[in-house]
PDB file of N, CA and C in Angstrom:
ATOM      1  N   MET A   1      -9.620  11.383 -10.743  1.00  0.00           N
ATOM      2  CA  MET A   1      -9.552   9.990 -11.179  1.00  0.00           C
ATOM      3  C   MET A   1      -8.325   9.313 -10.545  1.00  0.00           C
ATOM      4  N   SER A   2      -8.522   8.132 -10.006  1.00  0.00           N
ATOM      5  CA  SER A   2      -7.427   7.438  -9.325  1.00  0.00           C
ATOM      6  C   SER A   2      -6.409   6.895 -10.331  1.00  0.00           C
ATOM      7  N   THR A   3      -5.192   6.698  -9.842  1.00  0.00           N
ATOM      8  CA  THR A   3      -4.099   6.197 -10.667  1.00  0.00           C
ATOM      9  C   THR A   3      -3.488   4.988  -9.986  1.00  0.00           C
ATOM     10  N   ASN A   4      -3.298   3.919 -10.761  1.00  0.00           N
ATOM     11  CA  ASN A   4      -2.741   2.672 -10.240  1.00  0.00           C
ATOM     12  C   ASN A   4      -1.235   2.649 -10.470  1.00  0.00           C
ATOM     13  N   LEU A   5      -0.489   2.339  -9.417  1.00  0.00           N
ATOM     14  CA  LEU A   5       0.970   2.268  -9.495  1.00  0.00           C
ATOM     15  C   LEU A   5       1.448   0.840  -9.282  1.00  0.00           C
ATOM     16  N   TYR A   6       2.482   0.470 -10.033  1.00  0.00           N
ATOM     17  CA  TYR A   6       3.161  -0.809  -9.856  1.00  0.00           C
ATOM     18  C   TYR A   6       4.337  -0.568  -8.909  1.00  0.00           C
ATOM     19  N   VAL A   7       4.517  -1.453  -7.937  1.00  0.00           N
ATOM     20  CA  VAL A   7       5.634  -1.366  -6.998  1.00  0.00           C
ATOM     21  C   VAL A   7       6.393  -2.684  -7.071  1.00  0.00           C
ATOM     22  N   GLY A   8       7.634  -2.631  -7.524  1.00  0.00           N
ATOM     23  CA  GLY A   8       8.423  -3.852  -7.697  1.00  0.00           C
ATOM     24  C   GLY A   8       9.627  -3.907  -6.774  1.00  0.00           C
ATOM     25  N   ASP A   9      10.269  -5.063  -6.763  1.00  0.00           N
ATOM     26  CA  ASP A   9      11.457  -5.323  -5.946  1.00  0.00           C
ATOM     27  C   ASP A   9      11.190  -5.144  -4.455  1.00  0.00           C
ATOM     28  N   LEU A  10      10.010  -5.566  -4.022  1.00  0.00           N
ATOM     29  CA  LEU A  10       9.656  -5.474  -2.601  1.00  0.00           C
ATOM     30  C   LEU A  10      10.318  -6.579  -1.795  1.00  0.00           C
ATOM     31  N   ASP A  11      10.721  -6.247  -0.591  1.00  0.00           N
ATOM     32  CA  ASP A  11      11.204  -7.247   0.349  1.00  0.00           C
ATOM     33  C   ASP A  11      10.032  -8.193   0.638  1.00  0.00           C
ATOM     34  N   PRO A  12      10.265  -9.503   0.683  1.00  0.00           N
ATOM     35  CA  PRO A  12       9.168 -10.465   0.872  1.00  0.00           C
ATOM     36  C   PRO A  12       8.401 -10.310   2.186  1.00  0.00           C
ATOM     37  N   THR A  13       8.972  -9.592   3.144  1.00  0.00           N
ATOM     38  CA  THR A  13       8.283  -9.451   4.430  1.00  0.00           C
ATOM     39  C   THR A  13       7.305  -8.271   4.466  1.00  0.00           C
ATOM     40  N   ILE A  14       7.314  -7.430   3.441  1.00  0.00           N
ATOM     41  CA  ILE A  14       6.431  -6.244   3.414  1.00  0.00           C
ATOM     42  C   ILE A  14       4.972  -6.684   3.270  1.00  0.00           C
ATOM     43  N   THR A  15       4.108  -6.089   4.071  1.00  0.00           N
ATOM     44  CA  THR A  15       2.674  -6.392   4.002  1.00  0.00           C
ATOM     45  C   THR A  15       1.939  -5.288   3.237  1.00  0.00           C
ATOM     46  N   SER A  16       0.699  -5.582   2.858  1.00  0.00           N
ATOM     47  CA  SER A  16      -0.129  -4.584   2.176  1.00  0.00           C
ATOM     48  C   SER A  16      -0.313  -3.355   3.065  1.00  0.00           C
ATOM     49  N   GLU A  17      -0.466  -3.563   4.377  1.00  0.00           N
ATOM     50  CA  GLU A  17      -0.645  -2.460   5.315  1.00  0.00           C
ATOM     51  C   GLU A  17       0.601  -1.564   5.353  1.00  0.00           C
ATOM     52  N   GLN A  18       1.782  -2.183   5.343  1.00  0.00           N
ATOM     53  CA  GLN A  18       3.028  -1.408   5.350  1.00  0.00           C
ATOM     54  C   GLN A  18       3.184  -0.622   4.046  1.00  0.00           C
ATOM     55  N   LEU A  19       2.771  -1.244   2.948  1.00  0.00           N
ATOM     56  CA  LEU A  19       2.825  -0.587   1.639  1.00  0.00           C
ATOM     57  C   LEU A  19       1.916   0.646   1.636  1.00  0.00           C
ATOM     58  N   GLU A  20       0.717   0.481   2.170  1.00  0.00           N
ATOM     59  CA  GLU A  20      -0.229   1.604   2.251  1.00  0.00           C
ATOM     60  C   GLU A  20       0.352   2.739   3.093  1.00  0.00           C
ATOM     61  N   LYS A  21       0.938   2.397   4.227  1.00  0.00           N
ATOM     62  CA  LYS A  21       1.518   3.413   5.117  1.00  0.00           C
ATOM     63  C   LYS A  21       2.658   4.158   4.418  1.00  0.00           C
ATOM     64  N   LEU A  22       3.510   3.422   3.717  1.00  0.00           N
ATOM     65  CA  LEU A  22       4.631   4.013   3.000  1.00  0.00           C
ATOM     66  C   LEU A  22       4.145   5.019   1.957  1.00  0.00           C
ATOM     67  N   PHE A  23       3.142   4.640   1.181  1.00  0.00           N
ATOM     68  CA  PHE A  23       2.657   5.497   0.101  1.00  0.00           C
ATOM     69  C   PHE A  23       1.784   6.645   0.606  1.00  0.00           C
ATOM     70  N   SER A  24       1.263   6.536   1.812  1.00  0.00           N
ATOM     71  CA  SER A  24       0.441   7.620   2.354  1.00  0.00           C
ATOM     72  C   SER A  24       1.269   8.885   2.600  1.00  0.00           C
ATOM     73  N   GLU A  25       2.606   8.742   2.602  1.00  0.00           N
ATOM     74  CA  GLU A  25       3.493   9.913   2.692  1.00  0.00           C
ATOM     75  C   GLU A  25       3.275  10.846   1.497  1.00  0.00           C
ATOM     76  N   ALA A  26       2.877  10.282   0.361  1.00  0.00           N
ATOM     77  CA  ALA A  26       2.732  11.054  -0.876  1.00  0.00           C
ATOM     78  C   ALA A  26       1.313  11.564  -1.088  1.00  0.00           C
ATOM     79  N   GLY A  27       0.337  11.008  -0.356  1.00  0.00           N
ATOM     80  CA  GLY A  27      -1.046  11.431  -0.546  1.00  0.00           C
ATOM     81  C   GLY A  27      -2.022  10.349  -0.137  1.00  0.00           C
ATOM     82  N   LYS A  28      -3.261  10.522  -0.573  1.00  0.00           N
ATOM     83  CA  LYS A  28      -4.328   9.585  -0.197  1.00  0.00           C
ATOM     84  C   LYS A  28      -4.225   8.291  -0.994  1.00  0.00           C
ATOM     85  N   VAL A  29      -4.133   7.183  -0.266  1.00  0.00           N
ATOM     86  CA  VAL A  29      -4.053   5.857  -0.882  1.00  0.00           C
ATOM     87  C   VAL A  29      -5.457   5.250  -0.903  1.00  0.00           C
ATOM     88  N   SER A  30      -5.944   4.907  -2.103  1.00  0.00           N
ATOM     89  CA  SER A  30      -7.256   4.268  -2.219  1.00  0.00           C
ATOM     90  C   SER A  30      -7.164   2.785  -1.866  1.00  0.00           C
ATOM     91  N   SER A  31      -6.067   2.137  -2.300  1.00  0.00           N
ATOM     92  CA  SER A  31      -5.841   0.733  -1.957  1.00  0.00           C
ATOM     93  C   SER A  31      -4.367   0.396  -2.142  1.00  0.00           C
ATOM     94  N   ALA A  32      -3.931  -0.627  -1.428  1.00  0.00           N
ATOM     95  CA  ALA A  32      -2.550  -1.106  -1.540  1.00  0.00           C
ATOM     96  C   ALA A  32      -2.577  -2.614  -1.364  1.00  0.00           C
ATOM     97  N   LYS A  33      -1.931  -3.322  -2.283  1.00  0.00           N
ATOM     98  CA  LYS A  33      -1.971  -4.783  -2.219  1.00  0.00           C
ATOM     99  C   LYS A  33      -0.638  -5.373  -2.650  1.00  0.00           C
ATOM    100  N   VAL A  34      -0.054  -6.175  -1.766  1.00  0.00           N
ATOM    101  CA  VAL A  34       1.123  -6.964  -2.110  1.00  0.00           C
ATOM    102  C   VAL A  34       0.591  -8.256  -2.734  1.00  0.00           C
ATOM    103  N   ILE A  35       1.149  -8.653  -3.870  1.00  0.00           N
ATOM    104  CA  ILE A  35       0.683  -9.861  -4.562  1.00  0.00           C
ATOM    105  C   ILE A  35       1.322 -11.091  -3.911  1.00  0.00           C
ATOM    106  N   ILE A  36       0.450 -12.036  -3.542  1.00  0.00           N
ATOM    107  CA  ILE A  36       0.867 -13.251  -2.832  1.00  0.00           C
ATOM    108  C   ILE A  36       0.703 -14.470  -3.745  1.00  0.00           C
ATOM    109  N   ASP A  37       1.710 -15.340  -3.736  1.00  0.00           N
ATOM    110  CA  ASP A  37       1.642 -16.588  -4.498  1.00  0.00           C
ATOM    111  C   ASP A  37       0.617 -17.514  -3.844  1.00  0.00           C
ATOM    112  N   ARG A  38      -0.329 -17.995  -4.615  1.00  0.00           N
ATOM    113  CA  ARG A  38      -1.399 -18.852  -4.068  1.00  0.00           C
ATOM    114  C   ARG A  38      -0.885 -20.165  -3.504  1.00  0.00           C
ATOM    115  N   LEU A  39       0.128 -20.732  -4.142  1.00  0.00           N
ATOM    116  CA  LEU A  39       0.639 -22.038  -3.699  1.00  0.00           C
ATOM    117  C   LEU A  39       1.475 -21.946  -2.429  1.00  0.00           C
ATOM    118  N   THR A  40       2.356 -20.943  -2.358  1.00  0.00           N
ATOM    119  CA  THR A  40       3.285 -20.868  -1.230  1.00  0.00           C
ATOM    120  C   THR A  40       2.816 -19.925  -0.123  1.00  0.00           C
ATOM    121  N   GLY A  41       1.917 -19.005  -0.455  1.00  0.00           N
ATOM    122  CA  GLY A  41       1.486 -18.016   0.523  1.00  0.00           C
ATOM    123  C   GLY A  41       2.524 -16.922   0.752  1.00  0.00           C
ATOM    124  N   GLN A  42       3.592 -16.933  -0.060  1.00  0.00           N
ATOM    125  CA  GLN A  42       4.672 -15.952   0.059  1.00  0.00           C
ATOM    126  C   GLN A  42       4.458 -14.791  -0.912  1.00  0.00           C
ATOM    127  N   SER A  43       5.013 -13.641  -0.565  1.00  0.00           N
ATOM    128  CA  SER A  43       4.961 -12.467  -1.440  1.00  0.00           C
ATOM    129  C   SER A  43       5.693 -12.769  -2.744  1.00  0.00           C
ATOM    130  N   LYS A  44       5.161 -12.271  -3.853  1.00  0.00           N
ATOM    131  CA  LYS A  44       5.839 -12.421  -5.146  1.00  0.00           C
ATOM    132  C   LYS A  44       6.846 -11.294  -5.365  1.00  0.00           C
ATOM    133  N   GLY A  45       6.951 -10.367  -4.395  1.00  0.00           N
ATOM    134  CA  GLY A  45       7.948  -9.300  -4.497  1.00  0.00           C
ATOM    135  C   GLY A  45       7.465  -8.067  -5.248  1.00  0.00           C
ATOM    136  N   PHE A  46       6.161  -8.001  -5.497  1.00  0.00           N
ATOM    137  CA  PHE A  46       5.618  -6.804  -6.121  1.00  0.00           C
ATOM    138  C   PHE A  46       4.192  -6.580  -5.651  1.00  0.00           C
ATOM    139  N   GLY A  47       3.694  -5.399  -5.951  1.00  0.00           N
ATOM    140  CA  GLY A  47       2.334  -5.072  -5.545  1.00  0.00           C
ATOM    141  C   GLY A  47       1.806  -3.892  -6.328  1.00  0.00           C
ATOM    142  N   PHE A  48       0.611  -3.457  -5.965  1.00  0.00           N
ATOM    143  CA  PHE A  48      -0.037  -2.330  -6.629  1.00  0.00           C
ATOM    144  C   PHE A  48      -0.599  -1.389  -5.584  1.00  0.00           C
ATOM    145  N   VAL A  49      -0.458  -0.103  -5.857  1.00  0.00           N
ATOM    146  CA  VAL A  49      -1.005   0.930  -4.980  1.00  0.00           C
ATOM    147  C   VAL A  49      -1.848   1.851  -5.839  1.00  0.00           C
ATOM    148  N   GLU A  50      -3.077   2.087  -5.399  1.00  0.00           N
ATOM    149  CA  GLU A  50      -3.952   3.007  -6.115  1.00  0.00           C
ATOM    150  C   GLU A  50      -3.977   4.328  -5.350  1.00  0.00           C
ATOM    151  N   MET A  51      -3.518   5.376  -6.011  1.00  0.00           N
ATOM    152  CA  MET A  51      -3.510   6.714  -5.419  1.00  0.00           C
ATOM    153  C   MET A  51      -4.773   7.438  -5.877  1.00  0.00           C
ATOM    154  N   SER A  52      -5.258   8.367  -5.040  1.00  0.00           N
ATOM    155  CA  SER A  52      -6.550   8.998  -5.318  1.00  0.00           C
ATOM    156  C   SER A  52      -6.554   9.893  -6.559  1.00  0.00           C
ATOM    157  N   ASN A  53      -5.383  10.428  -6.954  1.00  0.00           N
ATOM    158  CA  ASN A  53      -5.345  11.223  -8.183  1.00  0.00           C
ATOM    159  C   ASN A  53      -3.955  11.197  -8.814  1.00  0.00           C
ATOM    160  N   GLN A  54      -3.882  11.701 -10.041  1.00  0.00           N
ATOM    161  CA  GLN A  54      -2.649  11.675 -10.836  1.00  0.00           C
ATOM    162  C   GLN A  54      -1.521  12.476 -10.175  1.00  0.00           C
ATOM    163  N   LYS A  55      -1.859  13.619  -9.596  1.00  0.00           N
ATOM    164  CA  LYS A  55      -0.846  14.470  -8.964  1.00  0.00           C
ATOM    165  C   LYS A  55      -0.161  13.739  -7.806  1.00  0.00           C
ATOM    166  N   GLU A  56      -0.954  13.078  -6.960  1.00  0.00           N
ATOM    167  CA  GLU A  56      -0.382  12.330  -5.835  1.00  0.00           C
ATOM    168  C   GLU A  56       0.383  11.099  -6.314  1.00  0.00           C
ATOM    169  N   ALA A  57      -0.074  10.496  -7.403  1.00  0.00           N
ATOM    170  CA  ALA A  57       0.640   9.346  -7.964  1.00  0.00           C
ATOM    171  C   ALA A  57       2.023   9.773  -8.448  1.00  0.00           C
ATOM    172  N   GLN A  58       2.096  10.915  -9.131  1.00  0.00           N
ATOM    173  CA  GLN A  58       3.386  11.419  -9.608  1.00  0.00           C
ATOM    174  C   GLN A  58       4.310  11.762  -8.431  1.00  0.00           C
ATOM    175  N   LYS A  59       3.721  12.317  -7.379  1.00  0.00           N
ATOM    176  CA  LYS A  59       4.496  12.637  -6.180  1.00  0.00           C
ATOM    177  C   LYS A  59       5.057  11.357  -5.561  1.00  0.00           C
ATOM    178  N   ALA A  60       4.231  10.312  -5.517  1.00  0.00           N
ATOM    179  CA  ALA A  60       4.669   9.021  -4.965  1.00  0.00           C
ATOM    180  C   ALA A  60       5.819   8.436  -5.784  1.00  0.00           C
ATOM    181  N   ILE A  61       5.725   8.539  -7.104  1.00  0.00           N
ATOM    182  CA  ILE A  61       6.800   8.022  -7.966  1.00  0.00           C
ATOM    183  C   ILE A  61       8.092   8.774  -7.679  1.00  0.00           C
ATOM    184  N   LYS A  62       8.022  10.105  -7.625  1.00  0.00           N
ATOM    185  CA  LYS A  62       9.228  10.917  -7.363  1.00  0.00           C
ATOM    186  C   LYS A  62       9.810  10.624  -5.982  1.00  0.00           C
ATOM    187  N   LEU A  63       8.930  10.489  -4.987  1.00  0.00           N
ATOM    188  CA  LEU A  63       9.355  10.298  -3.604  1.00  0.00           C
ATOM    189  C   LEU A  63       9.897   8.890  -3.335  1.00  0.00           C
ATOM    190  N   LEU A  64       9.281   7.878  -3.955  1.00  0.00           N
ATOM    191  CA  LEU A  64       9.561   6.501  -3.547  1.00  0.00           C
ATOM    192  C   LEU A  64      10.309   5.635  -4.556  1.00  0.00           C
ATOM    193  N   ASN A  65      10.344   6.015  -5.852  1.00  0.00           N
ATOM    194  CA  ASN A  65      11.069   5.193  -6.824  1.00  0.00           C
ATOM    195  C   ASN A  65      12.546   5.155  -6.443  1.00  0.00           C
ATOM    196  N   LYS A  66      13.102   3.969  -6.375  1.00  0.00           N
ATOM    197  CA  LYS A  66      14.498   3.699  -6.006  1.00  0.00           C
ATOM    198  C   LYS A  66      14.793   3.954  -4.527  1.00  0.00           C
ATOM    199  N   LYS A  67      13.750   4.203  -3.723  1.00  0.00           N
ATOM    200  CA  LYS A  67      13.952   4.379  -2.281  1.00  0.00           C
ATOM    201  C   LYS A  67      14.243   3.015  -1.656  1.00  0.00           C
ATOM    202  N   GLU A  68      15.151   2.995  -0.687  1.00  0.00           N
ATOM    203  CA  GLU A  68      15.475   1.741  -0.016  1.00  0.00           C
ATOM    204  C   GLU A  68      14.448   1.465   1.076  1.00  0.00           C
ATOM    205  N   VAL A  69      13.808   0.309   0.975  1.00  0.00           N
ATOM    206  CA  VAL A  69      12.810  -0.119   1.952  1.00  0.00           C
ATOM    207  C   VAL A  69      13.192  -1.537   2.390  1.00  0.00           C
ATOM    208  N   ASN A  70      13.446  -1.695   3.681  1.00  0.00           N
ATOM    209  CA  ASN A  70      13.896  -2.993   4.225  1.00  0.00           C
ATOM    210  C   ASN A  70      15.103  -3.541   3.465  1.00  0.00           C
ATOM    211  N   GLY A  71      16.028  -2.657   3.079  1.00  0.00           N
ATOM    212  CA  GLY A  71      17.272  -3.089   2.444  1.00  0.00           C
ATOM    213  C   GLY A  71      17.196  -3.308   0.946  1.00  0.00           C
ATOM    214  N   LYS A  72      16.030  -3.057   0.333  1.00  0.00           N
ATOM    215  CA  LYS A  72      15.904  -3.222  -1.116  1.00  0.00           C
ATOM    216  C   LYS A  72      15.398  -1.924  -1.749  1.00  0.00           C
ATOM    217  N   ALA A  73      16.015  -1.530  -2.866  1.00  0.00           N
ATOM    218  CA  ALA A  73      15.568  -0.335  -3.588  1.00  0.00           C
ATOM    219  C   ALA A  73      14.331  -0.720  -4.402  1.00  0.00           C
ATOM    220  N   ILE A  74      13.190  -0.117  -4.060  1.00  0.00           N
ATOM    221  CA  ILE A  74      11.942  -0.471  -4.748  1.00  0.00           C
ATOM    222  C   ILE A  74      11.806   0.297  -6.057  1.00  0.00           C
ATOM    223  N   LYS A  75      11.019  -0.263  -6.963  1.00  0.00           N
ATOM    224  CA  LYS A  75      10.692   0.395  -8.234  1.00  0.00           C
ATOM    225  C   LYS A  75       9.242   0.833  -8.154  1.00  0.00           C
ATOM    226  N   VAL A  76       8.982   2.075  -8.553  1.00  0.00           N
ATOM    227  CA  VAL A  76       7.610   2.578  -8.556  1.00  0.00           C
ATOM    228  C   VAL A  76       7.362   3.258  -9.892  1.00  0.00           C
ATOM    229  N   ASN A  77       6.329   2.816 -10.599  1.00  0.00           N
ATOM    230  CA  ASN A  77       5.905   3.491 -11.816  1.00  0.00           C
ATOM    231  C   ASN A  77       4.428   3.235 -12.072  1.00  0.00           C
ATOM    232  N   GLU A  78       3.886   3.931 -13.074  1.00  0.00           N
ATOM    233  CA  GLU A  78       2.471   3.727 -13.380  1.00  0.00           C
ATOM    234  C   GLU A  78       2.265   2.308 -13.879  1.00  0.00           C
ATOM    235  N   ALA A  79       1.233   1.665 -13.364  1.00  0.00           N
ATOM    236  CA  ALA A  79       0.919   0.297 -13.774  1.00  0.00           C
ATOM    237  C   ALA A  79       0.411   0.316 -15.217  1.00  0.00           C
ATOM    238  N   GLN A  80       0.829  -0.671 -15.982  1.00  0.00           N
ATOM    239  CA  GLN A  80       0.362  -0.809 -17.356  1.00  0.00           C
ATOM    240  C   GLN A  80      -0.851  -1.731 -17.371  1.00  0.00           C
ATOM    241  N   PRO A  81      -1.827  -1.445 -18.230  1.00  0.00           N
ATOM    242  CA  PRO A  81      -3.006  -2.317 -18.288  1.00  0.00           C
ATOM    243  C   PRO A  81      -2.611  -3.744 -18.690  1.00  0.00           C
ATOM    244  N   ARG A  82      -3.338  -4.715 -18.165  1.00  0.00           N
ATOM    245  CA  ARG A  82      -3.072  -6.112 -18.536  1.00  0.00           C
ATOM    246  C   ARG A  82      -3.327  -6.305 -20.020  1.00  0.00           C
ATOM    247  N   ARG A  83      -2.550  -7.203 -20.606  1.00  0.00           N
ATOM    248  CA  ARG A  83      -2.719  -7.486 -22.037  1.00  0.00           C
ATOM    249  C   ARG A  83      -3.479  -8.764 -22.222  1.00  0.00           C
TER     250      ARG A  83
END
């Protein structure tokens, strides 16, 4: 079963493709998406990555949480369901 991860504090220049490549270090990425503001077309500074299973998601959190990417320490944790 796939696991959805929240990725915060992203540099505004990071693309969904770069996010996918970064997380592929930890395992199979089902999808990766940087959230874009509809009005400005700019990154909102966060995104979501879906890993193919829980084990790879945990590996991604350990490997990438607080890792510096483009000069910013990113936050990685399990995404919480929308309320």
